[in-house]
C-alpha atoms as a PDB file:
ATOM      1  CA  UNK A   1     116.655  48.855 121.697  1.00  0.00           C
ATOM      2  CA  UNK A   2     113.179  48.070 122.978  1.00  0.00           C
ATOM      3  CA  UNK A   3     112.866  47.244 126.676  1.00  0.00           C
ATOM      4  CA  UNK A   4     109.905  45.543 128.301  1.00  0.00           C
ATOM      5  CA  UNK A   5     109.167  44.381 131.822  1.00  0.00           C
ATOM      6  CA  UNK A   6     108.907  40.659 132.477  1.00  0.00           C
ATOM      7  CA  UNK A   7     106.870  39.751 135.561  1.00  0.00           C
ATOM      8  CA  UNK A   8     109.250  37.099 136.857  1.00  0.00           C
ATOM      9  CA  UNK A   9     110.073  37.144 140.571  1.00  0.00           C
ATOM     10  CA  UNK A  10     113.459  38.780 139.820  1.00  0.00           C
ATOM     11  CA  UNK A  11     111.726  41.551 137.790  1.00  0.00           C
ATOM     12  CA  UNK A  12     114.337  41.267 135.064  1.00  0.00           C
ATOM     13  CA  UNK A  13     114.008  43.736 132.204  1.00  0.00           C
ATOM     14  CA  UNK A  14     114.462  42.529 128.649  1.00  0.00           C
ATOM     15  CA  UNK A  15     115.820  44.608 125.785  1.00  0.00           C
ATOM     16  CA  UNK A  16     115.471  43.299 122.254  1.00  0.00           C
ATOM     17  CA  UNK A  17     118.042  44.360 119.674  1.00  0.00           C
ATOM     18  CA  UNK A  18     116.974  44.016 116.035  1.00  0.00           C
ATOM     19  CA  UNK A  19     119.341  43.306 113.141  1.00  0.00           C
ATOM     20  CA  UNK A  20     118.858  46.875 111.917  1.00  0.00           C
ATOM     21  CA  UNK A  21     119.645  48.345 115.342  1.00  0.00           C
ATOM     22  CA  UNK A  22     122.706  46.129 115.751  1.00  0.00           C
ATOM     23  CA  UNK A  23     124.030  47.220 112.355  1.00  0.00           C
ATOM     24  CA  UNK A  24     123.398  50.923 113.093  1.00  0.00           C
ATOM     25  CA  UNK A  25     125.113  50.637 116.470  1.00  0.00           C
ATOM     26  CA  UNK A  26     128.106  48.794 114.982  1.00  0.00           C
ATOM     27  CA  UNK A  27     128.504  51.471 112.296  1.00  0.00           C
ATOM     28  CA  UNK A  28     128.233  54.176 114.964  1.00  0.00           C
ATOM     29  CA  UNK A  29     130.947  52.420 116.981  1.00  0.00           C
ATOM     30  CA  UNK A  30     133.146  52.133 113.860  1.00  0.00           C
ATOM     31  CA  UNK A  31     132.787  55.871 113.194  1.00  0.00           C
ATOM     32  CA  UNK A  32     133.824  56.675 116.776  1.00  0.00           C
ATOM     33  CA  UNK A  33     136.791  54.307 116.579  1.00  0.00           C
ATOM     34  CA  UNK A  34     137.915  55.858 113.278  1.00  0.00           C
ATOM     35  CA  UNK A  35     137.905  59.321 114.869  1.00  0.00           C
ATOM     36  CA  UNK A  36     139.590  58.310 118.110  1.00  0.00           C
ATOM     37  CA  UNK A  37     141.990  55.388 117.656  1.00  0.00           C
ATOM     38  CA  UNK A  38     142.031  53.633 114.272  1.00  0.00           C
ATOM     39  CA  UNK A  39     143.719  52.202 112.273  1.00  0.00           C
ATOM     40  CA  UNK A  40     144.076  48.733 113.751  1.00  0.00           C
ATOM     41  CA  UNK A  41     146.323  45.879 112.638  1.00  0.00           C
ATOM     42  CA  UNK A  42     143.551  43.430 113.433  1.00  0.00           C
ATOM     43  CA  UNK A  43     140.402  42.637 115.338  1.00  0.00           C
ATOM     44  CA  UNK A  44     139.842  40.000 118.003  1.00  0.00           C
ATOM     45  CA  UNK A  45     136.212  38.885 118.209  1.00  0.00           C
ATOM     46  CA  UNK A  46     135.097  37.510 121.570  1.00  0.00           C
ATOM     47  CA  UNK A  47     133.014  34.467 120.676  1.00  0.00           C
ATOM     48  CA  UNK A  48     130.262  34.044 120.254  1.00  0.00           C
ATOM     49  CA  UNK A  49     128.537  37.372 120.738  1.00  0.00           C
ATOM     50  CA  UNK A  50     131.364  39.463 119.327  1.00  0.00           C
ATOM     51  CA  UNK A  51     131.565  37.627 115.994  1.00  0.00           C
ATOM     52  CA  UNK A  52     128.880  39.553 114.112  1.00  0.00           C
ATOM     53  CA  UNK A  53     129.778  42.994 115.513  1.00  0.00           C
ATOM     54  CA  UNK A  54     133.447  42.224 114.715  1.00  0.00           C
ATOM     55  CA  UNK A  55     132.564  41.365 111.107  1.00  0.00           C
ATOM     56  CA  UNK A  56     130.679  44.639 110.706  1.00  0.00           C
ATOM     57  CA  UNK A  57     133.502  46.614 112.323  1.00  0.00           C
ATOM     58  CA  UNK A  58     136.110  44.857 110.165  1.00  0.00           C
ATOM     59  CA  UNK A  59     134.214  45.900 107.057  1.00  0.00           C
ATOM     60  CA  UNK A  60     133.690  49.485 108.186  1.00  0.00           C
ATOM     61  CA  UNK A  61     137.277  49.926 109.406  1.00  0.00           C
ATOM     62  CA  UNK A  62     138.787  48.205 106.354  1.00  0.00           C
ATOM     63  CA  UNK A  63     140.459  45.617 108.570  1.00  0.00           C
ATOM     64  CA  UNK A  64     141.208  42.212 106.994  1.00  0.00           C
ATOM     65  CA  UNK A  65     142.852  40.407 109.920  1.00  0.00           C
ATOM     66  CA  UNK A  66     140.092  39.050 112.153  1.00  0.00           C
ATOM     67  CA  UNK A  67     141.094  36.719 114.984  1.00  0.00           C
ATOM     68  CA  UNK A  68     138.896  35.223 117.688  1.00  0.00           C
ATOM     69  CA  UNK A  69     139.108  34.306 121.321  1.00  0.00           C
ATOM     70  CA  UNK A  70     136.709  31.739 122.709  1.00  0.00           C
ATOM     71  CA  UNK A  71     135.974  32.224 126.390  1.00  0.00           C
ATOM     72  CA  UNK A  72     133.368  30.429 128.475  1.00  0.00           C
ATOM     73  CA  UNK A  73     132.205  32.265 131.581  1.00  0.00           C
ATOM     74  CA  UNK A  74     128.449  31.620 131.714  1.00  0.00           C
ATOM     75  CA  UNK A  75     126.744  28.321 132.318  1.00  0.00           C
ATOM     76  CA  UNK A  76     123.225  27.547 131.215  1.00  0.00           C
ATOM     77  CA  UNK A  77     120.437  29.793 130.010  1.00  0.00           C
ATOM     78  CA  UNK A  78     119.950  31.368 133.402  1.00  0.00           C
ATOM     79  CA  UNK A  79     123.410  32.902 133.008  1.00  0.00           C
ATOM     80  CA  UNK A  80     125.228  31.516 136.055  1.00  0.00           C
ATOM     81  CA  UNK A  81     128.662  33.166 136.098  1.00  0.00           C
ATOM     82  CA  UNK A  82     131.657  30.883 136.499  1.00  0.00           C
ATOM     83  CA  UNK A  83     135.432  31.312 136.333  1.00  0.00           C
ATOM     84  CA  UNK A  84     136.411  32.175 132.716  1.00  0.00           C
ATOM     85  CA  UNK A  85     138.120  29.501 130.674  1.00  0.00           C
ATOM     86  CA  UNK A  86     139.857  29.894 127.302  1.00  0.00           C
ATOM     87  CA  UNK A  87     138.731  27.446 124.637  1.00  0.00           C
ATOM     88  CA  UNK A  88     140.716  29.153 121.852  1.00  0.00           C
ATOM     89  CA  UNK A  89     143.410  31.805 122.270  1.00  0.00           C
ATOM     90  CA  UNK A  90     143.895  34.705 119.802  1.00  0.00           C
ATOM     91  CA  UNK A  91     147.427  33.724 118.763  1.00  0.00           C
ATOM     92  CA  UNK A  92     147.782  36.272 115.945  1.00  0.00           C
ATOM     93  CA  UNK A  93     147.126  39.152 118.368  1.00  0.00           C
ATOM     94  CA  UNK A  94     150.200  38.658 120.569  1.00  0.00           C
ATOM     95  CA  UNK A  95     149.877  41.055 123.503  1.00  0.00           C
ATOM     96  CA  UNK A  96     147.125  42.986 121.712  1.00  0.00           C
ATOM     97  CA  UNK A  97     149.202  45.895 120.471  1.00  0.00           C
ATOM     98  CA  UNK A  98     147.437  47.439 117.474  1.00  0.00           C
ATOM     99  CA  UNK A  99     144.395  45.181 117.912  1.00  0.00           C
ATOM    100  CA  UNK A 100     140.768  45.913 118.667  1.00  0.00           C
ATOM    101  CA  UNK A 101     138.872  43.482 120.921  1.00  0.00           C
ATOM    102  CA  UNK A 102     135.164  43.370 120.010  1.00  0.00           C
ATOM    103  CA  UNK A 103     132.259  41.951 121.986  1.00  0.00           C
ATOM    104  CA  UNK A 104     128.524  42.470 121.796  1.00  0.00           C
ATOM    105  CA  UNK A 105     128.037  43.310 125.473  1.00  0.00           C
ATOM    106  CA  UNK A 106     130.081  43.794 128.596  1.00  0.00           C
ATOM    107  CA  UNK A 107     127.941  42.653 131.528  1.00  0.00           C
ATOM    108  CA  UNK A 108     129.677  41.931 134.828  1.00  0.00           C
ATOM    109  CA  UNK A 109     133.113  42.568 133.344  1.00  0.00           C
ATOM    110  CA  UNK A 110     134.417  39.091 134.191  1.00  0.00           C
ATOM    111  CA  UNK A 111     135.036  38.057 130.571  1.00  0.00           C
ATOM    112  CA  UNK A 112     136.261  41.511 129.540  1.00  0.00           C
ATOM    113  CA  UNK A 113     138.763  41.632 132.419  1.00  0.00           C
ATOM    114  CA  UNK A 114     139.992  38.148 131.541  1.00  0.00           C
ATOM    115  CA  UNK A 115     140.453  38.995 127.843  1.00  0.00           C
ATOM    116  CA  UNK A 116     142.118  42.323 128.646  1.00  0.00           C
ATOM    117  CA  UNK A 117     144.627  40.524 130.876  1.00  0.00           C
ATOM    118  CA  UNK A 118     145.516  38.300 127.899  1.00  0.00           C
ATOM    119  CA  UNK A 119     145.733  41.270 125.503  1.00  0.00           C
ATOM    120  CA  UNK A 120     146.822  44.190 127.711  1.00  0.00           C
ATOM    121  CA  UNK A 121     147.765  46.518 124.840  1.00  0.00           C
ATOM    122  CA  UNK A 122     144.520  46.097 122.865  1.00  0.00           C
ATOM    123  CA  UNK A 123     141.590  48.495 122.710  1.00  0.00           C
ATOM    124  CA  UNK A 124     138.313  46.966 123.977  1.00  0.00           C
ATOM    125  CA  UNK A 125     135.048  47.980 122.306  1.00  0.00           C
ATOM    126  CA  UNK A 126     131.521  46.633 122.570  1.00  0.00           C
ATOM    127  CA  UNK A 127     128.104  47.690 121.430  1.00  0.00           C
ATOM    128  CA  UNK A 128     126.422  47.671 124.831  1.00  0.00           C
ATOM    129  CA  UNK A 129     127.751  48.044 128.368  1.00  0.00           C
ATOM    130  CA  UNK A 130     126.199  47.473 131.761  1.00  0.00           C
ATOM    131  CA  UNK A 131     127.408  49.542 134.746  1.00  0.00           C
ATOM    132  CA  UNK A 132     129.411  46.699 136.342  1.00  0.00           C
ATOM    133  CA  UNK A 133     131.283  45.992 133.102  1.00  0.00           C
ATOM    134  CA  UNK A 134     131.582  49.537 131.802  1.00  0.00           C
ATOM    135  CA  UNK A 135     135.033  50.195 133.343  1.00  0.00           C
ATOM    136  CA  UNK A 136     136.484  47.385 131.194  1.00  0.00           C
ATOM    137  CA  UNK A 137     135.294  48.855 127.870  1.00  0.00           C
ATOM    138  CA  UNK A 138     137.299  51.622 126.225  1.00  0.00           C
ATOM    139  CA  UNK A 139     134.436  52.303 123.807  1.00  0.00           C
ATOM    140  CA  UNK A 140     130.748  51.367 123.661  1.00  0.00           C
ATOM    141  CA  UNK A 141     127.575  52.725 122.089  1.00  0.00           C
ATOM    142  CA  UNK A 142     124.783  52.340 124.657  1.00  0.00           C
ATOM    143  CA  UNK A 143     124.664  51.731 128.392  1.00  0.00           C
ATOM    144  CA  UNK A 144     122.077  49.184 129.534  1.00  0.00           C
ATOM    145  CA  UNK A 145     120.766  48.773 133.086  1.00  0.00           C
ATOM    146  CA  UNK A 146     122.461  46.010 135.063  1.00  0.00           C
ATOM    147  CA  UNK A 147     119.174  44.112 135.531  1.00  0.00           C
ATOM    148  CA  UNK A 148     118.448  44.058 131.787  1.00  0.00           C
ATOM    149  CA  UNK A 149     118.833  40.866 129.777  1.00  0.00           C
ATOM    150  CA  UNK A 150     119.722  41.803 126.209  1.00  0.00           C
ATOM    151  CA  UNK A 151     118.145  39.630 123.517  1.00  0.00           C
ATOM    152  CA  UNK A 152     120.245  39.811 120.368  1.00  0.00           C
ATOM    153  CA  UNK A 153     118.893  38.980 116.904  1.00  0.00           C
ATOM    154  CA  UNK A 154     120.602  35.591 116.985  1.00  0.00           C
ATOM    155  CA  UNK A 155     118.774  34.799 120.251  1.00  0.00           C
ATOM    156  CA  UNK A 156     115.301  35.340 118.820  1.00  0.00           C
ATOM    157  CA  UNK A 157     113.271  34.291 115.795  1.00  0.00           C
ATOM    158  CA  UNK A 158     110.474  36.049 113.956  1.00  0.00           C
ATOM    159  CA  UNK A 159     107.071  34.514 114.558  1.00  0.00           C
ATOM    160  CA  UNK A 160     103.988  34.535 112.435  1.00  0.00           C
ATOM    161  CA  UNK A 161     101.148  36.299 114.207  1.00  0.00           C
ATOM    162  CA  UNK A 162      97.697  35.686 112.721  1.00  0.00           C
ATOM    163  CA  UNK A 163      95.551  38.739 111.982  1.00  0.00           C
ATOM    164  CA  UNK A 164      93.066  39.673 114.673  1.00  0.00           C
ATOM    165  CA  UNK A 165      90.211  38.816 112.284  1.00  0.00           C
ATOM    166  CA  UNK A 166      91.424  35.179 112.299  1.00  0.00           C
ATOM    167  CA  UNK A 167      91.984  34.923 116.041  1.00  0.00           C
ATOM    168  CA  UNK A 168      88.436  35.623 117.197  1.00  0.00           C
ATOM    169  CA  UNK A 169      89.620  38.624 119.284  1.00  0.00           C
ATOM    170  CA  UNK A 170      88.172  42.070 118.819  1.00  0.00           C
END
């Protein structure tokens, strides 16, 4: 994960996660889960960020039952937190017994707490955890500072950068 300072008034740090890093971290998480608490009957992906990590974990753990829960708790690009609302419940997961909940990141813990209340017997795992949300994750790979905005591969796009010889800069 590469972090850089943005000179906005809030001095928010940005960390960019590449596809390769995301895949390595998901495989690392799968290995830990296999040692500590697998097998699972199924996986519940927290949409949208948990969908890709859940797919990787399902493959690595040999899990075929993948369910999703759609929760909205952020509004707008500036990330204004609001009361969580379920758009789609994970019906196949029941109370969560034998299931693994997967998300990309636990930030404030609002969504994680909400999902855990719905699935109290599930194990909660994510790739990245911030200090405020960390208590809600049973397993994670990397802790990220609370003031860091994580840019996932699906949030960014590769850009062509012309060679210096074409830009007139030396």
